[in-house]
Amino acid sequence: METISTVAGLRACVRAWKREGARVGVVPTMGALHAGHLSLVQAARARMDRVITTVFVNPIQFDNADDLATYPRTLAEDGRLLAQAGVDVLYAPTAAEMYPPGFATRITVAGVSAGLCGGVRPGHFDGVATVVCKLFMQTLADCAFFGEKDFQQVQVIRRMVADLDLPVEIVACPTRREADGLALSSRNRRLVPAARQAAAVLPRVLAACASDIAAGGDVAAALLGARDRLAAAGFDPVEYVELRAEADLQPLAILPLGTPARLLVAAWLGDVRLIDNMPVPPQGG
């Protein structure tokens, strides 16, 4: 595996691959890799001739300076894991490489970025869209692989790619979970033992709420009940528990026949923010 830190070096490498007819996949990450990231690498290797994994803690998508400062950075260990996983290139640019002096552009994706994480983290998805667009242009990838845990992020990226005619296919892969159901996340390692135990309540509450709604239960009552159960388990604050249409993330007050929907949640345990989502089977589906 080769490690590259400059745009020029990366493009030279990728152009050589493409002259040979190779199809290139990219797995964008912020590092602190876990089995969820490696499952994306595995999916990319199964479909693509060459695989790039990017590791870059993107400062412009953080709305909280403390969160940026404490975000885990484990590049040496990440590199070891990626080499074992068969990645061809680890692209690890510096902040100065990504955002040189005079950088002044932001990409805003309306609609799907509204509410949910976009509502409580102002500017977050502008930062995500901007860095992901840059990574697509830098890697010249044919396919990009993302996990569904960050479901709103996936939909924001899909919308950006469609609107800007970017020549990359977005591949969304199922959320990977711990044995107790907690969605894998780099932030999980910051949970103290008691909080880690409490965190397992989150996917159970989400699954029960999704099941209730799918069975025809009142949506508002199911969402309120989920919030109450999370609060009782020690989550504070519970930022949101919402039912949204999958395609455009519009809020749903009822579960329409045949409409794929997602239940999405964000809540805090101590100073760690956890997000998760689950599909809700459509009535009549």
C-alpha atoms as a PDB file:
ATOM      1  CA  MET A   1       0.000   0.000   0.000  1.00  0.00           C
ATOM      2  CA  GLU A   2       1.225   3.457  -0.905  1.00  0.00           C
ATOM      3  CA  THR A   3       0.575   6.502   1.286  1.00  0.00           C
ATOM      4  CA  ILE A   4       0.075   9.779  -0.578  1.00  0.00           C
ATOM      5  CA  SER A   5      -0.493  13.207   0.934  1.00  0.00           C
ATOM      6  CA  THR A   6      -0.664  15.559  -2.061  1.00  0.00           C
ATOM      7  CA  VAL A   7      -3.242  16.134  -4.779  1.00  0.00           C
ATOM      8  CA  ALA A   8      -0.581  16.055  -7.479  1.00  0.00           C
ATOM      9  CA  GLY A   9       0.815  12.735  -6.274  1.00  0.00           C
ATOM     10  CA  LEU A  10      -2.631  11.179  -6.019  1.00  0.00           C
ATOM     11  CA  ARG A  11      -3.731  12.291  -9.472  1.00  0.00           C
ATOM     12  CA  ALA A  12      -0.537  10.985 -11.060  1.00  0.00           C
ATOM     13  CA  CYS A  13      -1.149   7.600  -9.454  1.00  0.00           C
ATOM     14  CA  VAL A  14      -4.810   7.416 -10.445  1.00  0.00           C
ATOM     15  CA  ARG A  15      -4.161   8.531 -14.029  1.00  0.00           C
ATOM     16  CA  ALA A  16      -1.663   5.695 -14.409  1.00  0.00           C
ATOM     17  CA  TRP A  17      -4.304   3.236 -13.199  1.00  0.00           C
ATOM     18  CA  LYS A  18      -6.887   4.634 -15.579  1.00  0.00           C
ATOM     19  CA  ARG A  19      -4.547   4.369 -18.538  1.00  0.00           C
ATOM     20  CA  GLU A  20      -4.545   0.644 -17.771  1.00  0.00           C
ATOM     21  CA  GLY A  21      -8.354   0.610 -17.787  1.00  0.00           C
ATOM     22  CA  ALA A  22      -8.755   0.170 -14.015  1.00  0.00           C
ATOM     23  CA  ARG A  23     -11.969   1.136 -12.233  1.00  0.00           C
ATOM     24  CA  VAL A  24     -11.241   3.079  -9.053  1.00  0.00           C
ATOM     25  CA  GLY A  25     -13.187   3.074  -5.799  1.00  0.00           C
ATOM     26  CA  VAL A  26     -12.824   5.464  -2.882  1.00  0.00           C
ATOM     27  CA  VAL A  27     -13.764   5.046   0.773  1.00  0.00           C
ATOM     28  CA  PRO A  28     -13.746   8.514   2.391  1.00  0.00           C
ATOM     29  CA  THR A  29     -13.116   8.459   6.160  1.00  0.00           C
ATOM     30  CA  MET A  30     -11.972  10.676   8.995  1.00  0.00           C
ATOM     31  CA  GLY A  31      -9.781   7.901  10.365  1.00  0.00           C
ATOM     32  CA  ALA A  32      -9.975   6.122  13.734  1.00  0.00           C
ATOM     33  CA  LEU A  33     -10.964   3.143  11.654  1.00  0.00           C
ATOM     34  CA  HIS A  34     -13.131   0.273  12.890  1.00  0.00           C
ATOM     35  CA  ALA A  35     -14.812  -2.799  11.411  1.00  0.00           C
ATOM     36  CA  GLY A  36     -17.493  -0.642   9.812  1.00  0.00           C
ATOM     37  CA  HIS A  37     -14.909   1.230   7.745  1.00  0.00           C
ATOM     38  CA  LEU A  38     -13.174  -2.012   6.842  1.00  0.00           C
ATOM     39  CA  SER A  39     -16.472  -3.466   5.628  1.00  0.00           C
ATOM     40  CA  LEU A  40     -16.659  -0.538   3.182  1.00  0.00           C
ATOM     41  CA  VAL A  41     -13.138  -1.337   2.021  1.00  0.00           C
ATOM     42  CA  GLN A  42     -14.199  -4.954   1.530  1.00  0.00           C
ATOM     43  CA  ALA A  43     -17.219  -3.852  -0.515  1.00  0.00           C
ATOM     44  CA  ALA A  44     -14.995  -1.612  -2.634  1.00  0.00           C
ATOM     45  CA  ARG A  45     -12.442  -4.371  -3.232  1.00  0.00           C
ATOM     46  CA  ALA A  46     -15.209  -6.717  -4.373  1.00  0.00           C
ATOM     47  CA  ARG A  47     -16.348  -4.289  -7.077  1.00  0.00           C
ATOM     48  CA  MET A  48     -13.334  -2.227  -8.079  1.00  0.00           C
ATOM     49  CA  ASP A  49      -9.881  -2.829  -9.583  1.00  0.00           C
ATOM     50  CA  ARG A  50      -8.177  -0.278  -7.341  1.00  0.00           C
ATOM     51  CA  VAL A  51      -9.208   1.112  -3.941  1.00  0.00           C
ATOM     52  CA  ILE A  52      -8.272   4.389  -2.272  1.00  0.00           C
ATOM     53  CA  THR A  53      -9.141   5.098   1.353  1.00  0.00           C
ATOM     54  CA  THR A  54      -8.936   8.721   2.430  1.00  0.00           C
ATOM     55  CA  VAL A  55      -8.174   9.760   6.002  1.00  0.00           C
ATOM     56  CA  PHE A  56      -8.813  13.421   6.710  1.00  0.00           C
ATOM     57  CA  VAL A  57     -10.362  15.007   9.792  1.00  0.00           C
ATOM     58  CA  ASN A  58     -12.243  17.759   8.006  1.00  0.00           C
ATOM     59  CA  PRO A  59     -12.209  20.946  10.112  1.00  0.00           C
ATOM     60  CA  ILE A  60     -14.931  22.763   8.183  1.00  0.00           C
ATOM     61  CA  GLN A  61     -17.641  20.207   9.031  1.00  0.00           C
ATOM     62  CA  PHE A  62     -17.239  20.612  12.808  1.00  0.00           C
ATOM     63  CA  ASP A  63     -19.520  23.123  14.501  1.00  0.00           C
ATOM     64  CA  ASN A  64     -17.881  22.465  17.886  1.00  0.00           C
ATOM     65  CA  ALA A  65     -14.192  23.245  18.424  1.00  0.00           C
ATOM     66  CA  ASP A  66     -13.947  20.788  21.332  1.00  0.00           C
ATOM     67  CA  ASP A  67     -15.363  17.983  19.184  1.00  0.00           C
ATOM     68  CA  LEU A  68     -12.741  18.701  16.520  1.00  0.00           C
ATOM     69  CA  ALA A  69      -9.957  18.795  19.099  1.00  0.00           C
ATOM     70  CA  THR A  70     -10.962  15.508  20.731  1.00  0.00           C
ATOM     71  CA  TYR A  71     -11.781  13.593  17.548  1.00  0.00           C
ATOM     72  CA  PRO A  72      -9.518  10.507  17.619  1.00  0.00           C
ATOM     73  CA  ARG A  73      -6.530  10.569  15.278  1.00  0.00           C
ATOM     74  CA  THR A  74      -4.823   7.212  14.791  1.00  0.00           C
ATOM     75  CA  LEU A  75      -3.170   7.440  11.373  1.00  0.00           C
ATOM     76  CA  ALA A  76      -0.412   4.891  12.023  1.00  0.00           C
ATOM     77  CA  GLU A  77      -2.883   2.240  13.179  1.00  0.00           C
ATOM     78  CA  ASP A  78      -5.276   3.184  10.366  1.00  0.00           C
ATOM     79  CA  GLY A  79      -2.505   2.615   7.862  1.00  0.00           C
ATOM     80  CA  ARG A  80      -1.714  -0.812   9.301  1.00  0.00           C
ATOM     81  CA  LEU A  81      -5.368  -1.877   9.092  1.00  0.00           C
ATOM     82  CA  LEU A  82      -5.768  -0.582   5.546  1.00  0.00           C
ATOM     83  CA  ALA A  83      -2.616  -2.340   4.356  1.00  0.00           C
ATOM     84  CA  GLN A  84      -3.927  -5.601   5.800  1.00  0.00           C
ATOM     85  CA  ALA A  85      -7.285  -4.994   4.102  1.00  0.00           C
ATOM     86  CA  GLY A  86      -5.635  -4.702   0.697  1.00  0.00           C
ATOM     87  CA  VAL A  87      -6.105  -0.992   0.036  1.00  0.00           C
ATOM     88  CA  ASP A  88      -3.959   0.269  -2.830  1.00  0.00           C
ATOM     89  CA  VAL A  89      -3.528   3.864  -1.647  1.00  0.00           C
ATOM     90  CA  LEU A  90      -4.039   5.639   1.653  1.00  0.00           C
ATOM     91  CA  TYR A  91      -4.633   9.290   0.832  1.00  0.00           C
ATOM     92  CA  ALA A  92      -3.926  11.407   3.918  1.00  0.00           C
ATOM     93  CA  PRO A  93      -3.728  15.092   2.981  1.00  0.00           C
ATOM     94  CA  THR A  94      -2.986  17.867   5.448  1.00  0.00           C
ATOM     95  CA  ALA A  95      -5.457  20.655   6.153  1.00  0.00           C
ATOM     96  CA  ALA A  96      -3.177  23.028   4.227  1.00  0.00           C
ATOM     97  CA  GLU A  97      -3.286  20.723   1.200  1.00  0.00           C
ATOM     98  CA  MET A  98      -7.085  20.576   1.267  1.00  0.00           C
ATOM     99  CA  TYR A  99      -7.671  24.221   2.143  1.00  0.00           C
ATOM    100  CA  PRO A 100      -4.737  26.321   0.931  1.00  0.00           C
ATOM    101  CA  PRO A 101      -4.518  30.049   1.638  1.00  0.00           C
ATOM    102  CA  GLY A 102      -7.353  31.917  -0.051  1.00  0.00           C
ATOM    103  CA  PHE A 103      -9.746  28.970  -0.107  1.00  0.00           C
ATOM    104  CA  ALA A 104     -13.227  30.536  -0.213  1.00  0.00           C
ATOM    105  CA  THR A 105     -15.742  28.038  -1.629  1.00  0.00           C
ATOM    106  CA  ARG A 106     -18.551  26.139   0.082  1.00  0.00           C
ATOM    107  CA  ILE A 107     -21.116  23.766  -1.402  1.00  0.00           C
ATOM    108  CA  THR A 108     -24.628  23.990   0.028  1.00  0.00           C
ATOM    109  CA  VAL A 109     -27.118  21.187  -0.597  1.00  0.00           C
ATOM    110  CA  ALA A 110     -30.653  22.321   0.238  1.00  0.00           C
ATOM    111  CA  GLY A 111     -33.615  20.121   1.068  1.00  0.00           C
ATOM    112  CA  VAL A 112     -32.125  16.864   2.325  1.00  0.00           C
ATOM    113  CA  SER A 113     -29.765  18.790   4.622  1.00  0.00           C
ATOM    114  CA  ALA A 114     -32.660  20.478   6.454  1.00  0.00           C
ATOM    115  CA  GLY A 115     -33.416  19.408  10.007  1.00  0.00           C
ATOM    116  CA  LEU A 116     -32.009  16.339  11.778  1.00  0.00           C
ATOM    117  CA  CYS A 117     -28.210  16.779  12.032  1.00  0.00           C
ATOM    118  CA  GLY A 118     -28.426  19.735   9.668  1.00  0.00           C
ATOM    119  CA  GLY A 119     -30.752  21.487  12.089  1.00  0.00           C
ATOM    120  CA  VAL A 120     -28.608  21.090  15.187  1.00  0.00           C
ATOM    121  CA  ARG A 121     -25.190  21.409  13.512  1.00  0.00           C
ATOM    122  CA  PRO A 122     -25.270  24.617  11.435  1.00  0.00           C
ATOM    123  CA  GLY A 123     -22.917  24.464   8.468  1.00  0.00           C
ATOM    124  CA  HIS A 124     -22.067  20.802   9.035  1.00  0.00           C
ATOM    125  CA  PHE A 125     -23.338  19.511   5.717  1.00  0.00           C
ATOM    126  CA  ASP A 126     -21.812  22.427   3.827  1.00  0.00           C
ATOM    127  CA  GLY A 127     -18.474  21.217   5.168  1.00  0.00           C
ATOM    128  CA  VAL A 128     -19.276  17.597   4.324  1.00  0.00           C
ATOM    129  CA  ALA A 129     -20.402  18.373   0.778  1.00  0.00           C
ATOM    130  CA  THR A 130     -17.394  20.588   0.131  1.00  0.00           C
ATOM    131  CA  VAL A 131     -14.782  18.099   1.299  1.00  0.00           C
ATOM    132  CA  VAL A 132     -16.464  15.115  -0.360  1.00  0.00           C
ATOM    133  CA  CYS A 133     -16.720  16.968  -3.666  1.00  0.00           C
ATOM    134  CA  LYS A 134     -13.017  17.808  -3.423  1.00  0.00           C
ATOM    135  CA  LEU A 135     -12.148  14.179  -2.637  1.00  0.00           C
ATOM    136  CA  PHE A 136     -14.137  12.988  -5.642  1.00  0.00           C
ATOM    137  CA  MET A 137     -12.290  15.404  -7.902  1.00  0.00           C
ATOM    138  CA  GLN A 138      -8.919  14.559  -6.374  1.00  0.00           C
ATOM    139  CA  THR A 139      -9.321  10.776  -6.507  1.00  0.00           C
ATOM    140  CA  LEU A 140     -11.154  10.694  -9.870  1.00  0.00           C
ATOM    141  CA  ALA A 141     -13.034   7.699  -8.440  1.00  0.00           C
ATOM    142  CA  ASP A 142     -15.678   5.797 -10.383  1.00  0.00           C
ATOM    143  CA  CYS A 143     -17.501   4.650  -7.218  1.00  0.00           C
ATOM    144  CA  ALA A 144     -17.565   5.944  -3.635  1.00  0.00           C
ATOM    145  CA  PHE A 145     -18.553   3.798  -0.666  1.00  0.00           C
ATOM    146  CA  PHE A 146     -20.346   5.148   2.419  1.00  0.00           C
ATOM    147  CA  GLY A 147     -21.991   3.567   5.450  1.00  0.00           C
ATOM    148  CA  GLU A 148     -25.709   4.030   6.058  1.00  0.00           C
ATOM    149  CA  LYS A 149     -25.177   4.931   9.720  1.00  0.00           C
ATOM    150  CA  ASP A 150     -24.822   8.543   8.548  1.00  0.00           C
ATOM    151  CA  PHE A 151     -27.971   8.244   6.445  1.00  0.00           C
ATOM    152  CA  GLN A 152     -28.625  11.962   6.049  1.00  0.00           C
ATOM    153  CA  GLN A 153     -25.023  12.426   4.952  1.00  0.00           C
ATOM    154  CA  VAL A 154     -25.458   9.747   2.278  1.00  0.00           C
ATOM    155  CA  GLN A 155     -28.565  11.474   0.938  1.00  0.00           C
ATOM    156  CA  VAL A 156     -26.831  14.864   0.924  1.00  0.00           C
ATOM    157  CA  ILE A 157     -23.967  13.385  -1.092  1.00  0.00           C
ATOM    158  CA  ARG A 158     -26.346  11.651  -3.502  1.00  0.00           C
ATOM    159  CA  ARG A 159     -28.152  14.952  -4.105  1.00  0.00           C
ATOM    160  CA  MET A 160     -24.881  16.818  -4.655  1.00  0.00           C
ATOM    161  CA  VAL A 161     -23.634  14.215  -7.134  1.00  0.00           C
ATOM    162  CA  ALA A 162     -26.909  14.335  -9.083  1.00  0.00           C
ATOM    163  CA  ASP A 163     -27.142  18.121  -9.116  1.00  0.00           C
ATOM    164  CA  LEU A 164     -23.510  18.743 -10.107  1.00  0.00           C
ATOM    165  CA  ASP A 165     -23.332  15.868 -12.634  1.00  0.00           C
ATOM    166  CA  LEU A 166     -20.338  14.375 -10.856  1.00  0.00           C
ATOM    167  CA  PRO A 167     -19.174  11.182 -12.611  1.00  0.00           C
ATOM    168  CA  VAL A 168     -19.166   8.962  -9.530  1.00  0.00           C
ATOM    169  CA  GLU A 169     -21.568   6.263  -8.339  1.00  0.00           C
ATOM    170  CA  ILE A 170     -22.544   6.385  -4.663  1.00  0.00           C
ATOM    171  CA  VAL A 171     -22.691   2.963  -3.006  1.00  0.00           C
ATOM    172  CA  ALA A 172     -24.406   2.921   0.405  1.00  0.00           C
ATOM    173  CA  CYS A 173     -23.542  -0.072   2.607  1.00  0.00           C
ATOM    174  CA  PRO A 174     -25.523  -1.373   5.610  1.00  0.00           C
ATOM    175  CA  THR A 175     -24.639  -0.162   9.108  1.00  0.00           C
ATOM    176  CA  ARG A 176     -22.239  -2.462  10.949  1.00  0.00           C
ATOM    177  CA  ARG A 177     -23.049  -3.065  14.617  1.00  0.00           C
ATOM    178  CA  GLU A 178     -21.492  -4.368  17.813  1.00  0.00           C
ATOM    179  CA  ALA A 179     -22.808  -7.627  19.295  1.00  0.00           C
ATOM    180  CA  ASP A 180     -25.252  -5.640  21.465  1.00  0.00           C
ATOM    181  CA  GLY A 181     -26.564  -3.701  18.479  1.00  0.00           C
ATOM    182  CA  LEU A 182     -24.738  -0.387  18.922  1.00  0.00           C
ATOM    183  CA  ALA A 183     -23.755   1.083  15.565  1.00  0.00           C
ATOM    184  CA  LEU A 184     -20.007   1.115  15.086  1.00  0.00           C
ATOM    185  CA  SER A 185     -18.569   4.627  15.370  1.00  0.00           C
ATOM    186  CA  SER A 186     -15.181   6.180  15.997  1.00  0.00           C
ATOM    187  CA  ARG A 187     -16.790   8.148  18.804  1.00  0.00           C
ATOM    188  CA  ASN A 188     -17.767   4.963  20.702  1.00  0.00           C
ATOM    189  CA  ARG A 189     -14.234   4.666  22.065  1.00  0.00           C
ATOM    190  CA  ARG A 190     -14.825   7.890  24.017  1.00  0.00           C
ATOM    191  CA  LEU A 191     -17.687   6.356  26.018  1.00  0.00           C
ATOM    192  CA  VAL A 192     -16.835   5.562  29.634  1.00  0.00           C
ATOM    193  CA  PRO A 193     -17.874   2.013  30.677  1.00  0.00           C
ATOM    194  CA  ALA A 194     -21.213   3.013  32.226  1.00  0.00           C
ATOM    195  CA  ALA A 195     -22.118   5.124  29.197  1.00  0.00           C
ATOM    196  CA  ARG A 196     -21.067   2.340  26.824  1.00  0.00           C
ATOM    197  CA  GLN A 197     -23.476  -0.001  28.608  1.00  0.00           C
ATOM    198  CA  ALA A 198     -26.271   2.560  28.406  1.00  0.00           C
ATOM    199  CA  ALA A 199     -25.548   3.151  24.711  1.00  0.00           C
ATOM    200  CA  ALA A 200     -26.846  -0.321  23.855  1.00  0.00           C
ATOM    201  CA  VAL A 201     -30.340   0.945  24.708  1.00  0.00           C
ATOM    202  CA  LEU A 202     -30.310   3.211  21.653  1.00  0.00           C
ATOM    203  CA  PRO A 203     -30.650   0.556  18.909  1.00  0.00           C
ATOM    204  CA  ARG A 204     -33.174  -1.411  20.981  1.00  0.00           C
ATOM    205  CA  VAL A 205     -35.413   1.630  21.420  1.00  0.00           C
ATOM    206  CA  LEU A 206     -35.055   2.488  17.742  1.00  0.00           C
ATOM    207  CA  ALA A 207     -35.951  -1.046  16.642  1.00  0.00           C
ATOM    208  CA  ALA A 208     -38.990  -1.143  18.931  1.00  0.00           C
ATOM    209  CA  CYS A 209     -40.191   2.227  17.665  1.00  0.00           C
ATOM    210  CA  ALA A 210     -39.746   1.181  14.026  1.00  0.00           C
ATOM    211  CA  SER A 211     -41.651  -2.032  14.684  1.00  0.00           C
ATOM    212  CA  ASP A 212     -44.488  -0.123  16.379  1.00  0.00           C
ATOM    213  CA  ILE A 213     -44.825   2.297  13.464  1.00  0.00           C
ATOM    214  CA  ALA A 214     -44.630  -0.494  10.873  1.00  0.00           C
ATOM    215  CA  ALA A 215     -47.434  -2.313  12.689  1.00  0.00           C
ATOM    216  CA  GLY A 216     -49.691   0.717  12.285  1.00  0.00           C
ATOM    217  CA  GLY A 217     -49.029   2.486  15.577  1.00  0.00           C
ATOM    218  CA  ASP A 218     -49.527   6.226  15.898  1.00  0.00           C
ATOM    219  CA  VAL A 219     -46.329   7.867  14.685  1.00  0.00           C
ATOM    220  CA  ALA A 220     -46.316  10.823  17.080  1.00  0.00           C
ATOM    221  CA  ALA A 221     -46.968   8.587  20.082  1.00  0.00           C
ATOM    222  CA  ALA A 222     -44.274   6.122  19.019  1.00  0.00           C
ATOM    223  CA  LEU A 223     -41.694   8.888  18.596  1.00  0.00           C
ATOM    224  CA  LEU A 224     -42.563  10.447  21.955  1.00  0.00           C
ATOM    225  CA  GLY A 225     -42.323   7.066  23.644  1.00  0.00           C
ATOM    226  CA  ALA A 226     -38.884   6.489  22.135  1.00  0.00           C
ATOM    227  CA  ARG A 227     -37.668   9.869  23.391  1.00  0.00           C
ATOM    228  CA  ASP A 228     -38.953   9.092  26.872  1.00  0.00           C
ATOM    229  CA  ARG A 229     -37.231   5.689  26.949  1.00  0.00           C
ATOM    230  CA  LEU A 230     -33.945   7.192  25.830  1.00  0.00           C
ATOM    231  CA  ALA A 231     -34.172   9.931  28.458  1.00  0.00           C
ATOM    232  CA  ALA A 232     -34.886   7.309  31.118  1.00  0.00           C
ATOM    233  CA  ALA A 233     -31.738   5.434  30.035  1.00  0.00           C
ATOM    234  CA  GLY A 234     -29.606   8.534  30.614  1.00  0.00           C
ATOM    235  CA  PHE A 235     -29.471  10.151  27.164  1.00  0.00           C
ATOM    236  CA  ASP A 236     -29.436  13.917  27.619  1.00  0.00           C
ATOM    237  CA  PRO A 237     -30.278  15.712  25.486  1.00  0.00           C
ATOM    238  CA  VAL A 238     -32.190  13.640  22.969  1.00  0.00           C
ATOM    239  CA  GLU A 239     -31.778  15.919  19.953  1.00  0.00           C
ATOM    240  CA  TYR A 240     -34.262  14.227  17.685  1.00  0.00           C
ATOM    241  CA  VAL A 241     -36.210  11.044  16.996  1.00  0.00           C
ATOM    242  CA  GLU A 242     -37.931  11.465  13.639  1.00  0.00           C
ATOM    243  CA  LEU A 243     -39.618   9.523  10.868  1.00  0.00           C
ATOM    244  CA  ARG A 244     -38.543  10.636   7.396  1.00  0.00           C
ATOM    245  CA  ALA A 245     -39.096   9.505   3.818  1.00  0.00           C
ATOM    246  CA  GLU A 246     -35.942   7.788   2.614  1.00  0.00           C
ATOM    247  CA  ALA A 247     -35.725   9.398  -0.807  1.00  0.00           C
ATOM    248  CA  ASP A 248     -35.904  13.087   0.123  1.00  0.00           C
ATOM    249  CA  LEU A 249     -35.902  13.009   3.959  1.00  0.00           C
ATOM    250  CA  GLN A 250     -39.214  14.832   4.178  1.00  0.00           C
ATOM    251  CA  PRO A 251     -40.863  14.469   7.637  1.00  0.00           C
ATOM    252  CA  LEU A 252     -43.660  11.911   7.848  1.00  0.00           C
ATOM    253  CA  ALA A 253     -46.602  12.205  10.234  1.00  0.00           C
ATOM    254  CA  ILE A 254     -47.953   8.872   9.032  1.00  0.00           C
ATOM    255  CA  LEU A 255     -46.400   5.901   7.256  1.00  0.00           C
ATOM    256  CA  PRO A 256     -47.819   6.009   3.715  1.00  0.00           C
ATOM    257  CA  LEU A 257     -48.450   2.809   1.804  1.00  0.00           C
ATOM    258  CA  GLY A 258     -45.439   1.716  -0.173  1.00  0.00           C
ATOM    259  CA  THR A 259     -43.189   4.606   0.920  1.00  0.00           C
ATOM    260  CA  PRO A 260     -39.735   3.557   2.193  1.00  0.00           C
ATOM    261  CA  ALA A 261     -39.094   5.410   5.439  1.00  0.00           C
ATOM    262  CA  ARG A 262     -36.314   5.790   7.977  1.00  0.00           C
ATOM    263  CA  LEU A 263     -36.400   6.352  11.688  1.00  0.00           C
ATOM    264  CA  LEU A 264     -33.475   8.586  12.646  1.00  0.00           C
ATOM    265  CA  VAL A 265     -32.111   9.527  16.068  1.00  0.00           C
ATOM    266  CA  ALA A 266     -29.373  11.625  17.641  1.00  0.00           C
ATOM    267  CA  ALA A 267     -28.752  11.758  21.387  1.00  0.00           C
ATOM    268  CA  TRP A 268     -25.958  12.467  23.842  1.00  0.00           C
ATOM    269  CA  LEU A 269     -24.382  10.347  26.557  1.00  0.00           C
ATOM    270  CA  GLY A 270     -22.159  12.645  28.539  1.00  0.00           C
ATOM    271  CA  ASP A 271     -20.017  14.484  25.986  1.00  0.00           C
ATOM    272  CA  VAL A 272     -20.469  11.898  23.225  1.00  0.00           C
ATOM    273  CA  ARG A 273     -23.075  12.382  20.510  1.00  0.00           C
ATOM    274  CA  LEU A 274     -24.498   9.189  19.011  1.00  0.00           C
ATOM    275  CA  ILE A 275     -26.572   8.859  15.851  1.00  0.00           C
ATOM    276  CA  ASP A 276     -28.384   5.896  14.361  1.00  0.00           C
ATOM    277  CA  ASN A 277     -31.176   5.035  11.961  1.00  0.00           C
ATOM    278  CA  MET A 278     -33.282   2.075  10.907  1.00  0.00           C
ATOM    279  CA  PRO A 279     -35.564   1.410   7.964  1.00  0.00           C
ATOM    280  CA  VAL A 280     -39.287   1.172   8.681  1.00  0.00           C
ATOM    281  CA  PRO A 281     -40.992  -1.423   6.483  1.00  0.00           C
ATOM    282  CA  PRO A 282     -43.740   0.308   4.463  1.00  0.00           C
ATOM    283  CA  GLN A 283     -47.330  -0.647   5.138  1.00  0.00           C
ATOM    284  CA  GLY A 284     -48.581  -2.773   2.327  1.00  0.00           C
ATOM    285  CA  GLY A 285     -44.991  -3.513   1.298  1.00  0.00           C
END
